[in-house]
Amino acid sequence: MIIPESFMIETGRLHLRFPSMDEIPVTFSATRYKGFNDGMLWEPPRSVDELIIPLQNNVNAWRQGSAFTFSIIKKADGSFIGRIAIRREPEPAEWNLGFWMHPEHQNKGYMSEAAAGIIRFGFENLSAEKIFADHAVWNKSSAVVLKKCGMVFSKYIENGFMKNGAWVSENRLKICKQAWLQQNALA
């Protein structure tokens, strides 16, 4: 699957586009907020330079068609406010959604808007049949985002991921293409 790097998703208030090295300082600034990384698999970087390789990995995955990471850009002022990715899973036609929003821009509906755009992209452009997302059980904000996009609870994962030497429990939410088509036919 080839999705050109010039590909962009447009929503009401956002542009979702190929990530850029220019966004690394903003990403780093987000990781300085207490608790920002608690529900994520990755640890806060100690320096801006530690974010270069993960960005290069995102670019390589895009070019290989195994994952598509988009920068979330506000149309109003062109500012970079977060990232969202959709990654191919081993199961055929199954994709996984992950995201983060800079704390200064949370609770304004941007992530729900971005996630809806990426779910549409998954079903319309990637031939996905099912898209799921896992979130730390305590992360109610992520649960709200996913539910607003039509995802429903799928399963509880007791040992979701390891953080600071302890297991973090997760909930998995999912949406299948048929349910998404039905929801969007009503909209």
Foldseek 3Di string as FASTA:
>chain_A
DADDQQDWFDFDFKIWGQDDLVCLVVVLVLLVDPPQCVWPQDHRDPDSVVVPVVSVVQVVCNRVVFKHKTFIATPVPRDTFWIKMWGDDPPPLEIEIDIGGRPVPPPPCSLLRVVLRVVCCSVPPVVHFKYKYKTFPPCVSVVVSCVSSVWDWDDKAQQPDDDPRDGGIITMTMDGPVSNVVVVVVD
